[in-house]
């Protein structure tokens, strides 16, 4: 029975978004008696703390285009999405905001 329940949860999880998967993950962890996992940063928060030059190159490879740049901020667009990045003096991303 445990194997069937576990396989069912994996099947459901495979078609969910990252946020929806977290709900299933928490459910399975509770069912197994395991403590909840630490939250994982998702896009664009996962960009915070990364090197700005490397991250910009990766974003441009994914279709993002720089639309404005100031010493402390970079704005990017991809289709109907907009992304604002705050950049520190040492070239590290300190904030990231996705706008629709």
N, C-alpha and C. Protein backbone atom coordinates (compact mmCIF):
# COMPACT_ATOMS: atom_id res chain seq x y z
N UNK A 1 0.83 -1.20 0.00
CA UNK A 1 0.00 0.00 0.00
C UNK A 1 0.88 1.26 0.00
N UNK A 2 1.94 1.24 0.83
CA UNK A 2 2.83 2.39 0.87
C UNK A 2 3.45 2.69 -0.49
N UNK A 3 3.85 1.65 -1.21
CA UNK A 3 4.44 1.84 -2.54
C UNK A 3 3.43 2.48 -3.50
N UNK A 4 2.19 2.04 -3.43
CA UNK A 4 1.15 2.61 -4.31
C UNK A 4 0.92 4.09 -4.01
N UNK A 5 0.84 4.43 -2.74
CA UNK A 5 0.63 5.83 -2.36
C UNK A 5 1.82 6.68 -2.81
N UNK A 6 3.02 6.18 -2.61
CA UNK A 6 4.21 6.92 -3.00
C UNK A 6 4.26 7.11 -4.52
N UNK A 7 3.98 6.06 -5.29
CA UNK A 7 3.97 6.15 -6.75
C UNK A 7 2.88 7.10 -7.24
N UNK A 8 1.73 7.08 -6.58
CA UNK A 8 0.66 8.01 -6.96
C UNK A 8 1.11 9.44 -6.76
N UNK A 9 1.74 9.72 -5.63
CA UNK A 9 2.20 11.08 -5.35
C UNK A 9 3.27 11.52 -6.35
N UNK A 10 4.15 10.63 -6.74
CA UNK A 10 5.16 10.96 -7.75
C UNK A 10 4.51 11.26 -9.10
N UNK A 11 3.49 10.49 -9.45
CA UNK A 11 2.79 10.71 -10.72
C UNK A 11 2.09 12.07 -10.72
N UNK A 12 1.44 12.39 -9.63
CA UNK A 12 0.78 13.69 -9.52
C UNK A 12 1.81 14.81 -9.58
N UNK A 13 2.89 14.65 -8.85
CA UNK A 13 3.94 15.66 -8.76
C UNK A 13 4.55 15.97 -10.12
N UNK A 14 4.62 14.98 -11.00
CA UNK A 14 5.29 15.16 -12.29
C UNK A 14 4.59 16.16 -13.21
N UNK A 15 3.32 16.46 -12.98
CA UNK A 15 2.60 17.38 -13.86
C UNK A 15 2.33 18.74 -13.21
N UNK A 16 2.92 18.99 -12.05
CA UNK A 16 2.67 20.23 -11.32
C UNK A 16 3.77 21.26 -11.52
N UNK A 17 3.43 22.52 -11.27
CA UNK A 17 4.43 23.58 -11.28
C UNK A 17 5.33 23.44 -10.05
N UNK A 18 6.41 24.21 -10.02
CA UNK A 18 7.33 24.13 -8.89
C UNK A 18 6.64 24.45 -7.57
N UNK A 19 5.79 25.48 -7.55
CA UNK A 19 5.09 25.85 -6.33
C UNK A 19 4.11 24.76 -5.90
N UNK A 20 3.42 24.18 -6.88
CA UNK A 20 2.47 23.10 -6.58
C UNK A 20 3.19 21.85 -6.10
N UNK A 21 4.37 21.59 -6.66
CA UNK A 21 5.15 20.43 -6.22
C UNK A 21 5.54 20.54 -4.75
N UNK A 22 5.81 21.77 -4.32
CA UNK A 22 6.21 21.96 -2.94
C UNK A 22 5.12 21.49 -1.99
N UNK A 23 3.86 21.70 -2.35
CA UNK A 23 2.74 21.24 -1.51
C UNK A 23 2.76 19.72 -1.40
N UNK A 24 2.95 19.04 -2.53
CA UNK A 24 3.03 17.57 -2.53
C UNK A 24 4.26 17.12 -1.73
N UNK A 25 5.39 17.79 -1.93
CA UNK A 25 6.61 17.43 -1.19
C UNK A 25 6.37 17.52 0.31
N UNK A 26 5.73 18.60 0.75
CA UNK A 26 5.44 18.78 2.18
C UNK A 26 4.50 17.68 2.68
N UNK A 27 3.51 17.33 1.88
CA UNK A 27 2.57 16.27 2.24
C UNK A 27 3.30 14.94 2.41
N UNK A 28 4.15 14.60 1.43
CA UNK A 28 4.88 13.33 1.49
C UNK A 28 5.83 13.32 2.68
N UNK A 29 6.52 14.44 2.92
CA UNK A 29 7.43 14.52 4.06
C UNK A 29 6.67 14.32 5.38
N UNK A 30 5.50 14.95 5.50
CA UNK A 30 4.70 14.78 6.72
C UNK A 30 4.25 13.33 6.86
N UNK A 31 3.82 12.73 5.75
CA UNK A 31 3.36 11.34 5.76
C UNK A 31 4.48 10.40 6.19
N UNK A 32 5.72 10.71 5.76
CA UNK A 32 6.87 9.88 6.11
C UNK A 32 7.48 10.26 7.46
N UNK A 33 6.98 11.34 8.07
CA UNK A 33 7.51 11.77 9.35
C UNK A 33 8.84 12.49 9.25
N UNK A 34 9.08 13.12 8.09
CA UNK A 34 10.33 13.85 7.86
C UNK A 34 10.05 15.34 7.99
N UNK A 35 10.98 16.08 8.58
CA UNK A 35 10.82 17.53 8.75
C UNK A 35 10.72 18.21 7.39
N UNK A 36 9.98 19.31 7.31
CA UNK A 36 9.86 20.04 6.04
C UNK A 36 11.23 20.50 5.54
N UNK A 37 11.38 20.52 4.24
CA UNK A 37 12.63 20.97 3.63
C UNK A 37 12.75 22.48 3.73
N UNK A 38 13.98 22.96 3.69
CA UNK A 38 14.21 24.40 3.66
C UNK A 38 13.66 24.95 2.34
N UNK A 39 13.07 26.14 2.37
CA UNK A 39 12.54 26.69 1.13
C UNK A 39 13.65 26.91 0.10
N UNK A 40 13.33 26.65 -1.15
CA UNK A 40 14.27 26.83 -2.24
C UNK A 40 13.92 28.11 -2.97
N UNK A 41 14.93 28.94 -3.24
CA UNK A 41 14.69 30.18 -3.97
C UNK A 41 14.36 29.85 -5.42
N UNK A 42 13.33 30.48 -5.96
CA UNK A 42 12.93 30.29 -7.34
C UNK A 42 13.18 31.57 -8.12
N UNK A 43 13.11 31.48 -9.42
CA UNK A 43 13.35 32.63 -10.29
C UNK A 43 12.38 33.74 -9.98
N UNK A 44 12.82 34.94 -9.85
CA UNK A 44 14.18 35.45 -10.03
C UNK A 44 14.99 35.55 -8.74
N UNK A 45 14.42 35.15 -7.60
CA UNK A 45 15.14 35.28 -6.33
C UNK A 45 16.41 34.45 -6.32
N UNK A 46 16.47 33.38 -7.11
CA UNK A 46 17.68 32.56 -7.16
C UNK A 46 18.86 33.28 -7.81
N UNK A 47 18.60 34.45 -8.42
CA UNK A 47 19.67 35.23 -9.03
C UNK A 47 20.42 36.08 -8.00
N UNK A 48 19.78 36.37 -6.87
CA UNK A 48 20.38 37.20 -5.84
C UNK A 48 21.62 36.51 -5.29
N UNK A 49 22.73 37.26 -5.24
CA UNK A 49 23.99 36.73 -4.74
C UNK A 49 24.90 36.20 -5.83
N UNK A 50 24.43 36.21 -7.08
CA UNK A 50 25.25 35.70 -8.18
C UNK A 50 26.02 36.84 -8.84
N UNK A 51 27.05 36.49 -9.59
CA UNK A 51 27.85 37.45 -10.35
C UNK A 51 27.00 38.03 -11.47
N UNK A 52 26.92 39.35 -11.55
CA UNK A 52 26.05 40.00 -12.52
C UNK A 52 26.45 39.69 -13.96
N UNK A 53 27.74 39.73 -14.28
CA UNK A 53 28.17 39.49 -15.66
C UNK A 53 27.82 38.08 -16.12
N UNK A 54 28.07 37.10 -15.29
CA UNK A 54 27.75 35.71 -15.63
C UNK A 54 26.24 35.53 -15.77
N UNK A 55 25.50 36.08 -14.84
CA UNK A 55 24.05 35.95 -14.86
C UNK A 55 23.45 36.64 -16.08
N UNK A 56 23.94 37.83 -16.42
CA UNK A 56 23.44 38.53 -17.62
C UNK A 56 23.70 37.71 -18.87
N UNK A 57 24.87 37.13 -18.99
CA UNK A 57 25.18 36.29 -20.15
C UNK A 57 24.22 35.11 -20.23
N UNK A 58 23.93 34.48 -19.08
CA UNK A 58 23.00 33.35 -19.06
C UNK A 58 21.59 33.78 -19.42
N UNK A 59 21.16 34.94 -18.90
CA UNK A 59 19.81 35.43 -19.20
C UNK A 59 19.69 35.79 -20.68
N UNK A 60 20.71 36.42 -21.24
CA UNK A 60 20.67 36.77 -22.67
C UNK A 60 20.62 35.52 -23.53
N UNK A 61 21.30 34.47 -23.11
CA UNK A 61 21.25 33.19 -23.84
C UNK A 61 19.85 32.58 -23.79
N UNK A 62 19.07 32.94 -22.76
CA UNK A 62 17.70 32.45 -22.62
C UNK A 62 16.68 33.39 -23.26
N UNK A 63 17.14 34.40 -23.99
CA UNK A 63 16.24 35.28 -24.72
C UNK A 63 15.93 36.62 -24.07
N UNK A 64 16.52 36.91 -22.92
CA UNK A 64 16.31 38.20 -22.27
C UNK A 64 17.18 39.25 -22.95
N UNK A 65 16.65 40.48 -23.07
CA UNK A 65 17.39 41.59 -23.67
C UNK A 65 17.47 42.73 -22.68
N UNK A 66 18.65 43.36 -22.59
CA UNK A 66 18.84 44.52 -21.73
C UNK A 66 18.15 45.71 -22.38
N UNK A 67 17.25 46.39 -21.63
CA UNK A 67 16.55 47.56 -22.15
C UNK A 67 17.01 48.85 -21.49
N UNK A 68 17.60 48.73 -20.31
CA UNK A 68 18.25 49.89 -19.68
C UNK A 68 19.27 49.42 -18.68
N UNK A 69 20.25 50.29 -18.45
CA UNK A 69 21.31 49.95 -17.52
C UNK A 69 21.80 51.22 -16.84
N UNK A 70 21.85 51.19 -15.52
CA UNK A 70 22.43 52.26 -14.73
C UNK A 70 23.50 51.61 -13.85
N UNK A 71 24.32 52.38 -13.16
CA UNK A 71 25.34 51.76 -12.33
C UNK A 71 24.79 50.78 -11.28
N UNK A 72 23.56 50.96 -10.84
CA UNK A 72 23.02 50.09 -9.80
C UNK A 72 21.83 49.25 -10.21
N UNK A 73 21.42 49.32 -11.47
CA UNK A 73 20.22 48.59 -11.88
C UNK A 73 20.28 48.24 -13.36
N UNK A 74 19.74 47.09 -13.68
CA UNK A 74 19.63 46.65 -15.07
C UNK A 74 18.19 46.20 -15.29
N UNK A 75 17.59 46.66 -16.38
CA UNK A 75 16.25 46.24 -16.75
C UNK A 75 16.32 45.37 -17.99
N UNK A 76 15.59 44.27 -17.98
CA UNK A 76 15.59 43.34 -19.10
C UNK A 76 14.15 43.00 -19.49
N UNK A 77 13.96 42.65 -20.76
CA UNK A 77 12.66 42.21 -21.27
C UNK A 77 12.82 40.91 -22.03
N UNK A 78 11.77 40.10 -21.96
CA UNK A 78 11.65 38.90 -22.80
C UNK A 78 10.16 38.73 -23.06
N UNK A 79 9.80 38.90 -24.32
CA UNK A 79 8.38 38.86 -24.71
C UNK A 79 7.60 39.85 -23.85
N UNK A 80 6.62 39.40 -23.08
CA UNK A 80 5.81 40.32 -22.26
C UNK A 80 6.32 40.42 -20.82
N UNK A 81 7.44 39.79 -20.52
CA UNK A 81 7.99 39.80 -19.17
C UNK A 81 9.06 40.88 -19.04
N UNK A 82 9.16 41.45 -17.85
CA UNK A 82 10.21 42.42 -17.53
C UNK A 82 10.90 41.98 -16.25
N UNK A 83 12.20 42.19 -16.21
CA UNK A 83 13.01 41.78 -15.08
C UNK A 83 13.91 42.93 -14.68
N UNK A 84 13.83 43.34 -13.42
CA UNK A 84 14.70 44.39 -12.90
C UNK A 84 15.69 43.77 -11.93
N UNK A 85 16.97 44.06 -12.14
CA UNK A 85 18.03 43.53 -11.29
C UNK A 85 18.77 44.67 -10.62
N UNK A 86 18.93 44.59 -9.31
CA UNK A 86 19.75 45.54 -8.57
C UNK A 86 21.17 44.98 -8.49
N UNK A 87 22.16 45.83 -8.79
CA UNK A 87 23.55 45.40 -8.86
C UNK A 87 24.37 46.17 -7.82
N UNK A 88 25.17 45.45 -7.04
CA UNK A 88 26.03 46.10 -6.05
C UNK A 88 27.28 46.66 -6.73
N UNK A 89 28.05 47.43 -6.01
CA UNK A 89 29.29 48.01 -6.55
C UNK A 89 30.32 46.94 -6.92
N UNK A 90 30.25 45.79 -6.25
CA UNK A 90 31.21 44.73 -6.57
C UNK A 90 30.71 43.77 -7.65
N UNK A 91 29.62 44.13 -8.33
CA UNK A 91 29.13 43.34 -9.45
C UNK A 91 28.30 42.13 -9.09
N UNK A 92 27.67 42.18 -7.93
CA UNK A 92 26.81 41.09 -7.47
C UNK A 92 25.36 41.53 -7.55
N UNK A 93 24.48 40.62 -7.93
CA UNK A 93 23.04 40.92 -7.96
C UNK A 93 22.53 40.93 -6.53
N UNK A 94 21.93 42.05 -6.14
CA UNK A 94 21.44 42.20 -4.76
C UNK A 94 19.91 42.18 -4.68
N UNK A 95 19.24 42.33 -5.82
CA UNK A 95 17.78 42.24 -5.84
C UNK A 95 17.34 41.82 -7.23
N UNK A 96 16.18 41.18 -7.30
CA UNK A 96 15.64 40.73 -8.57
C UNK A 96 14.12 40.74 -8.48
N UNK A 97 13.50 41.39 -9.46
CA UNK A 97 12.04 41.51 -9.44
C UNK A 97 11.51 41.22 -10.84
N UNK A 98 10.59 40.28 -10.93
CA UNK A 98 9.95 39.92 -12.19
C UNK A 98 8.63 40.67 -12.29
N UNK A 99 8.45 41.39 -13.39
CA UNK A 99 7.24 42.16 -13.63
C UNK A 99 6.51 41.58 -14.82
N UNK A 100 5.18 41.57 -14.76
CA UNK A 100 4.39 41.07 -15.90
C UNK A 100 3.75 42.21 -16.63
